[in-house]
Every structure is written in structure tokens, then in C-alpha cells.
């Protein structure tokens, strides 16, 4: 019975230690993310402008992109598939 009590005590100490270390890792990661975001914030405005400019350039893709897409479809489908039309979404 003495060994059983010692085993349970050791299990509780070990599980508590693992739980506390996991909490430290989680909150340390959140702190690191907050610090990095405060020091070097992501440039959201520039990304939105470039996406908007690309979407207004037209609905069709250029010839080189169409050729690449056609070749990829041909290789994946073993020559059985083909690209009829492509448009930007």
C-alpha cells in the first residue's frame, strides 16, 4: 500500500508539473505574439490596395498564365482534361 500511495503522489506531481509548463508555453506564446504585433504591425492597408488594383485590371488572365494553367491541367489529368476558360475571382 505504501508504494501505491507514493505512485499516486508522484503521478499527481508529474501531471501538475506538465499542466503548469503547458500554461507557461501558451501564455508565453500569446505574450510573444502581442509583443511582435506591437513592434512590427502588419501592413493591412497596402495589401488591400494591391488586391483591389489587381481585381480591377480585368477579368481575363494573360496568355502566359493561361498556358501554364493548361499545361498543369494536362499533366494532372494525363491529357484528358482541358481548360476552356479562366477568370479571376
PDB file of N, CA and C in Angstrom:
ATOM      1  N   UNK A   1       0.814  -1.187   0.000  1.00  0.00           N
ATOM      2  CA  UNK A   1       0.000   0.000   0.000  1.00  0.00           C
ATOM      3  C   UNK A   1       0.865   1.260   0.000  1.00  0.00           C
ATOM      4  N   UNK A   2       2.020   1.132   0.586  1.00  0.00           N
ATOM      5  CA  UNK A   2       2.906   2.293   0.650  1.00  0.00           C
ATOM      6  C   UNK A   2       3.362   2.711  -0.745  1.00  0.00           C
ATOM      7  N   UNK A   3       3.651   1.733  -1.596  1.00  0.00           N
ATOM      8  CA  UNK A   3       4.088   2.029  -2.957  1.00  0.00           C
ATOM      9  C   UNK A   3       2.951   2.634  -3.792  1.00  0.00           C
ATOM     10  N   UNK A   4       1.730   2.199  -3.562  1.00  0.00           N
ATOM     11  CA  UNK A   4       0.589   2.728  -4.287  1.00  0.00           C
ATOM     12  C   UNK A   4       0.381   4.202  -3.956  1.00  0.00           C
ATOM     13  N   UNK A   5       0.469   4.565  -2.711  1.00  0.00           N
ATOM     14  CA  UNK A   5       0.334   5.964  -2.291  1.00  0.00           C
ATOM     15  C   UNK A   5       1.442   6.828  -2.871  1.00  0.00           C
ATOM     16  N   UNK A   6       2.664   6.303  -2.860  1.00  0.00           N
ATOM     17  CA  UNK A   6       3.785   7.049  -3.427  1.00  0.00           C
ATOM     18  C   UNK A   6       3.620   7.204  -4.936  1.00  0.00           C
ATOM     19  N   UNK A   7       3.108   6.168  -5.596  1.00  0.00           N
ATOM     20  CA  UNK A   7       2.885   6.232  -7.035  1.00  0.00           C
ATOM     21  C   UNK A   7       1.822   7.266  -7.398  1.00  0.00           C
ATOM     22  N   UNK A   8       0.737   7.311  -6.640  1.00  0.00           N
ATOM     23  CA  UNK A   8      -0.306   8.306  -6.883  1.00  0.00           C
ATOM     24  C   UNK A   8       0.209   9.720  -6.639  1.00  0.00           C
ATOM     25  N   UNK A   9       0.990   9.889  -5.591  1.00  0.00           N
ATOM     26  CA  UNK A   9       1.558  11.205  -5.296  1.00  0.00           C
ATOM     27  C   UNK A   9       2.502  11.649  -6.416  1.00  0.00           C
ATOM     28  N   UNK A  10       3.322  10.747  -6.890  1.00  0.00           N
ATOM     29  CA  UNK A  10       4.244  11.050  -7.975  1.00  0.00           C
ATOM     30  C   UNK A  10       3.479  11.373  -9.261  1.00  0.00           C
ATOM     31  N   UNK A  11       2.384  10.662  -9.536  1.00  0.00           N
ATOM     32  CA  UNK A  11       1.573  10.919 -10.717  1.00  0.00           C
ATOM     33  C   UNK A  11       0.937  12.314 -10.636  1.00  0.00           C
ATOM     34  N   UNK A  12       0.424  12.682  -9.483  1.00  0.00           N
ATOM     35  CA  UNK A  12      -0.215  13.987  -9.322  1.00  0.00           C
ATOM     36  C   UNK A  12       0.812  15.107  -9.476  1.00  0.00           C
ATOM     37  N   UNK A  13       1.974  14.940  -8.896  1.00  0.00           N
ATOM     38  CA  UNK A  13       3.026  15.958  -9.030  1.00  0.00           C
ATOM     39  C   UNK A  13       3.462  16.069 -10.480  1.00  0.00           C
ATOM     40  N   UNK A  14       3.617  14.955 -11.169  1.00  0.00           N
ATOM     41  CA  UNK A  14       4.037  14.976 -12.570  1.00  0.00           C
ATOM     42  C   UNK A  14       2.998  15.615 -13.470  1.00  0.00           C
ATOM     43  N   UNK A  15       1.730  15.269 -13.292  1.00  0.00           N
ATOM     44  CA  UNK A  15       0.671  15.843 -14.128  1.00  0.00           C
ATOM     45  C   UNK A  15       0.512  17.337 -13.860  1.00  0.00           C
ATOM     46  N   UNK A  16       0.653  17.744 -12.619  1.00  0.00           N
ATOM     47  CA  UNK A  16       0.573  19.170 -12.284  1.00  0.00           C
ATOM     48  C   UNK A  16       1.726  19.930 -12.914  1.00  0.00           C
ATOM     49  N   UNK A  17       2.906  19.353 -12.886  1.00  0.00           N
ATOM     50  CA  UNK A  17       4.069  19.991 -13.490  1.00  0.00           C
ATOM     51  C   UNK A  17       3.873  20.158 -14.995  1.00  0.00           C
ATOM     52  N   UNK A  18       3.401  19.124 -15.668  1.00  0.00           N
ATOM     53  CA  UNK A  18       3.163  19.204 -17.109  1.00  0.00           C
ATOM     54  C   UNK A  18       2.103  20.255 -17.409  1.00  0.00           C
ATOM     55  N   UNK A  19       1.036  20.290 -16.629  1.00  0.00           N
ATOM     56  CA  UNK A  19      -0.025  21.272 -16.833  1.00  0.00           C
ATOM     57  C   UNK A  19       0.510  22.692 -16.672  1.00  0.00           C
ATOM     58  N   UNK A  20       1.301  22.931 -15.654  1.00  0.00           N
ATOM     59  CA  UNK A  20       1.856  24.270 -15.432  1.00  0.00           C
ATOM     60  C   UNK A  20       2.820  24.671 -16.549  1.00  0.00           C
ATOM     61  N   UNK A  21       3.620  23.747 -17.025  1.00  0.00           N
ATOM     62  CA  UNK A  21       4.546  24.056 -18.112  1.00  0.00           C
ATOM     63  C   UNK A  21       3.774  24.367 -19.392  1.00  0.00           C
ATOM     64  N   UNK A  22       2.692  23.636 -19.652  1.00  0.00           N
ATOM     65  CA  UNK A  22       1.874  23.928 -20.818  1.00  0.00           C
ATOM     66  C   UNK A  22       1.223  25.305 -20.711  1.00  0.00           C
ATOM     67  N   UNK A  23       0.783  25.679 -19.522  1.00  0.00           N
ATOM     68  CA  UNK A  23       0.228  27.025 -19.333  1.00  0.00           C
ATOM     69  C   UNK A  23       1.281  28.091 -19.603  1.00  0.00           C
ATOM     70  N   UNK A  24       2.499  27.844 -19.154  1.00  0.00           N
ATOM     71  CA  UNK A  24       3.586  28.803 -19.403  1.00  0.00           C
ATOM     72  C   UNK A  24       3.844  28.924 -20.908  1.00  0.00           C
ATOM     73  N   UNK A  25       3.831  27.817 -21.609  1.00  0.00           N
ATOM     74  CA  UNK A  25       4.058  27.848 -23.055  1.00  0.00           C
ATOM     75  C   UNK A  25       2.936  28.601 -23.761  1.00  0.00           C
ATOM     76  N   UNK A  26       1.690  28.351 -23.380  1.00  0.00           N
ATOM     77  CA  UNK A  26       0.554  29.011 -24.027  1.00  0.00           C
ATOM     78  C   UNK A  26       0.599  30.514 -23.794  1.00  0.00           C
ATOM     79  N   UNK A  27       0.729  30.929 -22.541  1.00  0.00           N
ATOM     80  CA  UNK A  27       0.716  32.366 -22.253  1.00  0.00           C
ATOM     81  C   UNK A  27       2.001  33.048 -22.723  1.00  0.00           C
ATOM     82  N   UNK A  28       3.109  32.327 -22.744  1.00  0.00           N
ATOM     83  CA  UNK A  28       4.338  32.881 -23.307  1.00  0.00           C
ATOM     84  C   UNK A  28       4.198  33.123 -24.798  1.00  0.00           C
ATOM     85  N   UNK A  29       3.542  32.201 -25.496  1.00  0.00           N
ATOM     86  CA  UNK A  29       3.297  32.373 -26.928  1.00  0.00           C
ATOM     87  C   UNK A  29       2.385  33.551 -27.203  1.00  0.00           C
ATOM     88  N   UNK A  30       1.326  33.689 -26.399  1.00  0.00           N
ATOM     89  CA  UNK A  30       0.420  34.824 -26.569  1.00  0.00           C
ATOM     90  C   UNK A  30       1.142  36.142 -26.311  1.00  0.00           C
ATOM     91  N   UNK A  31       1.997  36.164 -25.299  1.00  0.00           N
ATOM     92  CA  UNK A  31       2.771  37.369 -24.999  1.00  0.00           C
ATOM     93  C   UNK A  31       3.719  37.694 -26.139  1.00  0.00           C
ATOM     94  N   UNK A  32       4.384  36.678 -26.682  1.00  0.00           N
ATOM     95  CA  UNK A  32       5.296  36.885 -27.800  1.00  0.00           C
ATOM     96  C   UNK A  32       4.562  37.430 -29.024  1.00  0.00           C
ATOM     97  N   UNK A  33       3.399  36.905 -29.308  1.00  0.00           N
ATOM     98  CA  UNK A  33       2.605  37.403 -30.439  1.00  0.00           C
ATOM     99  C   UNK A  33       2.216  38.856 -30.220  1.00  0.00           C
ATOM    100  N   UNK A  34       1.792  39.192 -29.009  1.00  0.00           N
ATOM    101  CA  UNK A  34       1.394  40.571 -28.717  1.00  0.00           C
ATOM    102  C   UNK A  34       2.570  41.526 -28.855  1.00  0.00           C
ATOM    103  N   UNK A  35       3.746  41.120 -28.379  1.00  0.00           N
ATOM    104  CA  UNK A  35       4.929  41.983 -28.466  1.00  0.00           C
ATOM    105  C   UNK A  35       5.346  42.178 -29.917  1.00  0.00           C
ATOM    106  N   UNK A  36       5.364  41.110 -30.695  1.00  0.00           N
ATOM    107  CA  UNK A  36       5.756  41.215 -32.101  1.00  0.00           C
ATOM    108  C   UNK A  36       4.755  42.074 -32.871  1.00  0.00           C
ATOM    109  N   UNK A  37       3.463  41.905 -32.607  1.00  0.00           N
ATOM    110  CA  UNK A  37       2.461  42.722 -33.280  1.00  0.00           C
ATOM    111  C   UNK A  37       2.561  44.188 -32.888  1.00  0.00           C
ATOM    112  N   UNK A  38       2.992  44.461 -31.688  1.00  0.00           N
ATOM    113  CA  UNK A  38       3.139  45.848 -31.259  1.00  0.00           C
ATOM    114  C   UNK A  38       4.386  46.470 -31.886  1.00  0.00           C
ATOM    115  N   UNK A  39       5.466  45.704 -31.995  1.00  0.00           N
ATOM    116  CA  UNK A  39       6.717  46.231 -32.542  1.00  0.00           C
ATOM    117  C   UNK A  39       6.640  46.370 -34.059  1.00  0.00           C
ATOM    118  N   UNK A  40       6.147  45.340 -34.729  1.00  0.00           N
ATOM    119  CA  UNK A  40       6.095  45.345 -36.192  1.00  0.00           C
ATOM    120  C   UNK A  40       4.697  44.952 -36.646  1.00  0.00           C
ATOM    121  N   UNK A  41       3.752  45.893 -36.657  1.00  0.00           N
ATOM    122  CA  UNK A  41       2.393  45.538 -37.073  1.00  0.00           C
ATOM    123  C   UNK A  41       2.330  45.223 -38.560  1.00  0.00           C
ATOM    124  N   UNK A  42       1.377  44.409 -38.918  1.00  0.00           N
ATOM    125  CA  UNK A  42       1.195  44.009 -40.308  1.00  0.00           C
ATOM    126  C   UNK A  42       0.624  45.179 -41.097  1.00  0.00           C
ATOM    127  N   UNK A  43       1.111  45.360 -42.325  1.00  0.00           N
ATOM    128  CA  UNK A  43       0.646  46.449 -43.171  1.00  0.00           C
ATOM    129  C   UNK A  43      -0.601  45.994 -43.919  1.00  0.00           C
ATOM    130  N   UNK A  44      -1.757  46.261 -43.360  1.00  0.00           N
ATOM    131  CA  UNK A  44      -3.013  45.799 -43.934  1.00  0.00           C
ATOM    132  C   UNK A  44      -3.460  46.695 -45.075  1.00  0.00           C
ATOM    133  N   UNK A  45      -3.261  47.993 -44.965  1.00  0.00           N
ATOM    134  CA  UNK A  45      -3.756  48.934 -45.977  1.00  0.00           C
ATOM    135  C   UNK A  45      -3.090  48.706 -47.333  1.00  0.00           C
ATOM    136  N   UNK A  46      -1.805  48.456 -47.341  1.00  0.00           N
ATOM    137  CA  UNK A  46      -1.090  48.254 -48.602  1.00  0.00           C
ATOM    138  C   UNK A  46      -1.553  46.979 -49.293  1.00  0.00           C
ATOM    139  N   UNK A  47      -1.811  45.939 -48.547  1.00  0.00           N
ATOM    140  CA  UNK A  47      -2.250  44.678 -49.131  1.00  0.00           C
ATOM    141  C   UNK A  47      -3.636  44.827 -49.742  1.00  0.00           C
ATOM    142  N   UNK A  48      -4.532  45.547 -49.089  1.00  0.00           N
ATOM    143  CA  UNK A  48      -5.881  45.724 -49.625  1.00  0.00           C
ATOM    144  C   UNK A  48      -5.855  46.536 -50.907  1.00  0.00           C
ATOM    145  N   UNK A  49      -4.991  47.553 -50.978  1.00  0.00           N
ATOM    146  CA  UNK A  49      -4.911  48.363 -52.180  1.00  0.00           C
ATOM    147  C   UNK A  49      -4.393  47.555 -53.358  1.00  0.00           C
ATOM    148  N   UNK A  50      -3.395  46.712 -53.137  1.00  0.00           N
ATOM    149  CA  UNK A  50      -2.839  45.927 -54.240  1.00  0.00           C
ATOM    150  C   UNK A  50      -3.837  44.880 -54.726  1.00  0.00           C
ATOM    151  N   UNK A  51      -4.602  44.290 -53.822  1.00  0.00           N
ATOM    152  CA  UNK A  51      -5.623  43.316 -54.215  1.00  0.00           C
ATOM    153  C   UNK A  51      -6.722  44.013 -55.007  1.00  0.00           C
ATOM    154  N   UNK A  52      -7.122  45.193 -54.567  1.00  0.00           N
ATOM    155  CA  UNK A  52      -8.160  45.934 -55.283  1.00  0.00           C
ATOM    156  C   UNK A  52      -7.669  46.342 -56.671  1.00  0.00           C
ATOM    157  N   UNK A  53      -6.408  46.730 -56.799  1.00  0.00           N
ATOM    158  CA  UNK A  53      -5.862  47.119 -58.098  1.00  0.00           C
ATOM    159  C   UNK A  53      -5.803  45.923 -59.040  1.00  0.00           C
ATOM    160  N   UNK A  54      -5.456  44.762 -58.529  1.00  0.00           N
ATOM    161  CA  UNK A  54      -5.392  43.567 -59.366  1.00  0.00           C
ATOM    162  C   UNK A  54      -6.777  43.148 -59.836  1.00  0.00           C
ATOM    163  N   UNK A  55      -7.775  43.262 -58.979  1.00  0.00           N
ATOM    164  CA  UNK A  55      -9.109  42.824 -59.363  1.00  0.00           C
ATOM    165  C   UNK A  55      -9.749  43.763 -60.365  1.00  0.00           C
ATOM    166  N   UNK A  56      -9.334  45.023 -60.439  1.00  0.00           N
ATOM    167  CA  UNK A  56      -9.905  45.972 -61.373  1.00  0.00           C
ATOM    168  C   UNK A  56      -9.211  45.947 -62.727  1.00  0.00           C
ATOM    169  N   UNK A  57      -8.106  45.188 -62.832  1.00  0.00           N
ATOM    170  CA  UNK A  57      -7.342  45.181 -64.077  1.00  0.00           C
ATOM    171  C   UNK A  57      -8.035  44.407 -65.193  1.00  0.00           C
ATOM    172  N   UNK A  58      -9.053  43.670 -64.910  1.00  0.00           N
ATOM    173  CA  UNK A  58      -9.774  42.909 -65.931  1.00  0.00           C
ATOM    174  C   UNK A  58     -10.138  41.545 -65.410  1.00  0.00           C
ATOM    175  N   UNK A  59     -11.046  40.900 -66.109  1.00  0.00           N
ATOM    176  CA  UNK A  59     -11.499  39.608 -65.624  1.00  0.00           C
ATOM    177  C   UNK A  59     -10.773  38.448 -66.292  1.00  0.00           C
ATOM    178  N   UNK A  60     -10.031  38.680 -67.352  1.00  0.00           N
ATOM    179  CA  UNK A  60      -9.326  37.618 -68.055  1.00  0.00           C
ATOM    180  C   UNK A  60      -7.867  37.569 -67.608  1.00  0.00           C
ATOM    181  N   UNK A  61      -7.272  36.387 -67.709  1.00  0.00           N
ATOM    182  CA  UNK A  61      -5.860  36.226 -67.380  1.00  0.00           C
ATOM    183  C   UNK A  61      -5.042  36.365 -68.652  1.00  0.00           C
ATOM    184  N   UNK A  62      -3.748  36.651 -68.500  1.00  0.00           N
ATOM    185  CA  UNK A  62      -2.901  36.832 -69.680  1.00  0.00           C
ATOM    186  C   UNK A  62      -2.549  35.474 -70.304  1.00  0.00           C
ATOM    187  N   UNK A  63      -1.922  35.516 -71.464  1.00  0.00           N
ATOM    188  CA  UNK A  63      -1.661  34.306 -72.246  1.00  0.00           C
ATOM    189  C   UNK A  63      -0.674  33.372 -71.551  1.00  0.00           C
ATOM    190  N   UNK A  64       0.331  33.925 -70.887  1.00  0.00           N
ATOM    191  CA  UNK A  64       1.316  33.053 -70.231  1.00  0.00           C
ATOM    192  C   UNK A  64       0.690  32.305 -69.059  1.00  0.00           C
ATOM    193  N   UNK A  65      -0.179  32.971 -68.304  1.00  0.00           N
ATOM    194  CA  UNK A  65      -0.861  32.300 -67.198  1.00  0.00           C
ATOM    195  C   UNK A  65      -1.792  31.220 -67.730  1.00  0.00           C
ATOM    196  N   UNK A  66      -2.482  31.501 -68.797  1.00  0.00           N
ATOM    197  CA  UNK A  66      -3.373  30.520 -69.410  1.00  0.00           C
ATOM    198  C   UNK A  66      -2.593  29.309 -69.903  1.00  0.00           C
ATOM    199  N   UNK A  67      -1.408  29.530 -70.467  1.00  0.00           N
ATOM    200  CA  UNK A  67      -0.579  28.421 -70.938  1.00  0.00           C
ATOM    201  C   UNK A  67      -0.114  27.552 -69.778  1.00  0.00           C
ATOM    202  N   UNK A  68       0.275  28.184 -68.682  1.00  0.00           N
ATOM    203  CA  UNK A  68       0.723  27.431 -67.507  1.00  0.00           C
ATOM    204  C   UNK A  68      -0.428  26.613 -66.942  1.00  0.00           C
ATOM    205  N   UNK A  69      -1.599  27.225 -66.804  1.00  0.00           N
ATOM    206  CA  UNK A  69      -2.755  26.506 -66.274  1.00  0.00           C
ATOM    207  C   UNK A  69      -3.145  25.335 -67.179  1.00  0.00           C
ATOM    208  N   UNK A  70      -3.110  25.545 -68.469  1.00  0.00           N
ATOM    209  CA  UNK A  70      -3.443  24.470 -69.401  1.00  0.00           C
ATOM    210  C   UNK A  70      -2.465  23.308 -69.281  1.00  0.00           C
ATOM    211  N   UNK A  71      -1.183  23.613 -69.154  1.00  0.00           N
ATOM    212  CA  UNK A  71      -0.161  22.565 -69.019  1.00  0.00           C
ATOM    213  C   UNK A  71      -0.322  21.798 -67.715  1.00  0.00           C
ATOM    214  N   UNK A  72      -0.636  22.504 -66.639  1.00  0.00           N
ATOM    215  CA  UNK A  72      -0.837  21.835 -65.346  1.00  0.00           C
ATOM    216  C   UNK A  72      -2.034  20.894 -65.422  1.00  0.00           C
ATOM    217  N   UNK A  73      -3.126  21.359 -65.984  1.00  0.00           N
ATOM    218  CA  UNK A  73      -4.317  20.518 -66.111  1.00  0.00           C
ATOM    219  C   UNK A  73      -4.014  19.323 -67.000  1.00  0.00           C
ATOM    220  N   UNK A  74      -3.270  19.528 -68.081  1.00  0.00           N
ATOM    221  CA  UNK A  74      -2.919  18.427 -68.980  1.00  0.00           C
ATOM    222  C   UNK A  74      -2.090  17.370 -68.262  1.00  0.00           C
ATOM    223  N   UNK A  75      -1.114  17.807 -67.447  1.00  0.00           N
ATOM    224  CA  UNK A  75      -0.262  16.855 -66.740  1.00  0.00           C
ATOM    225  C   UNK A  75      -1.026  16.119 -65.646  1.00  0.00           C
ATOM    226  N   UNK A  76      -1.883  16.824 -64.930  1.00  0.00           N
ATOM    227  CA  UNK A  76      -2.611  16.190 -63.837  1.00  0.00           C
ATOM    228  C   UNK A  76      -3.616  15.183 -64.362  1.00  0.00           C
ATOM    229  N   UNK A  77      -4.297  15.526 -65.443  1.00  0.00           N
ATOM    230  CA  UNK A  77      -5.340  14.639 -65.965  1.00  0.00           C
ATOM    231  C   UNK A  77      -4.815  13.648 -66.987  1.00  0.00           C
ATOM    232  N   UNK A  78      -3.535  13.664 -67.284  1.00  0.00           N
ATOM    233  CA  UNK A  78      -2.968  12.734 -68.248  1.00  0.00           C
ATOM    234  C   UNK A  78      -3.397  13.029 -69.673  1.00  0.00           C
ATOM    235  N   UNK A  79      -3.634  14.290 -69.986  1.00  0.00           N
ATOM    236  CA  UNK A  79      -4.022  14.688 -71.330  1.00  0.00           C
ATOM    237  C   UNK A  79      -5.517  14.609 -71.599  1.00  0.00           C
ATOM    238  N   UNK A  80      -6.307  14.172 -70.626  1.00  0.00           N
ATOM    239  CA  UNK A  80      -7.748  14.025 -70.829  1.00  0.00           C
ATOM    240  C   UNK A  80      -8.510  15.305 -70.518  1.00  0.00           C
ATOM    241  N   UNK A  81      -7.945  16.187 -69.704  1.00  0.00           N
ATOM    242  CA  UNK A  81      -8.637  17.399 -69.323  1.00  0.00           C
ATOM    243  C   UNK A  81      -8.184  18.587 -70.145  1.00  0.00           C
ATOM    244  N   UNK A  82      -9.009  19.623 -70.187  1.00  0.00           N
ATOM    245  CA  UNK A  82      -8.627  20.837 -70.897  1.00  0.00           C
ATOM    246  C   UNK A  82      -9.252  22.046 -70.197  1.00  0.00           C
ATOM    247  N   UNK A  83      -8.648  23.187 -70.399  1.00  0.00           N
ATOM    248  CA  UNK A  83      -9.113  24.427 -69.802  1.00  0.00           C
ATOM    249  C   UNK A  83      -9.873  25.206 -70.867  1.00  0.00           C
ATOM    250  N   UNK A  84     -11.139  25.484 -70.587  1.00  0.00           N
ATOM    251  CA  UNK A  84     -11.947  26.228 -71.558  1.00  0.00           C
ATOM    252  C   UNK A  84     -11.939  27.721 -71.264  1.00  0.00           C
ATOM    253  N   UNK A  85     -12.025  28.062 -69.981  1.00  0.00           N
ATOM    254  CA  UNK A  85     -12.000  29.479 -69.636  1.00  0.00           C
ATOM    255  C   UNK A  85     -11.468  29.656 -68.230  1.00  0.00           C
ATOM    256  N   UNK A  86     -10.864  30.806 -68.024  1.00  0.00           N
ATOM    257  CA  UNK A  86     -10.312  31.144 -66.711  1.00  0.00           C
ATOM    258  C   UNK A  86     -10.682  32.587 -66.434  1.00  0.00           C
ATOM    259  N   UNK A  87     -11.153  32.838 -65.226  1.00  0.00           N
ATOM    260  CA  UNK A  87     -11.434  34.215 -64.860  1.00  0.00           C
ATOM    261  C   UNK A  87     -11.027  34.432 -63.412  1.00  0.00           C
ATOM    262  N   UNK A  88     -10.609  35.637 -63.097  1.00  0.00           N
ATOM    263  CA  UNK A  88     -10.201  35.979 -61.757  1.00  0.00           C
ATOM    264  C   UNK A  88     -11.430  36.190 -60.887  1.00  0.00           C
ATOM    265  N   UNK A  89     -11.343  35.748 -59.668  1.00  0.00           N
ATOM    266  CA  UNK A  89     -12.462  35.894 -58.744  1.00  0.00           C
ATOM    267  C   UNK A  89     -12.149  36.992 -57.761  1.00  0.00           C
TER     268      UNK A  89
END
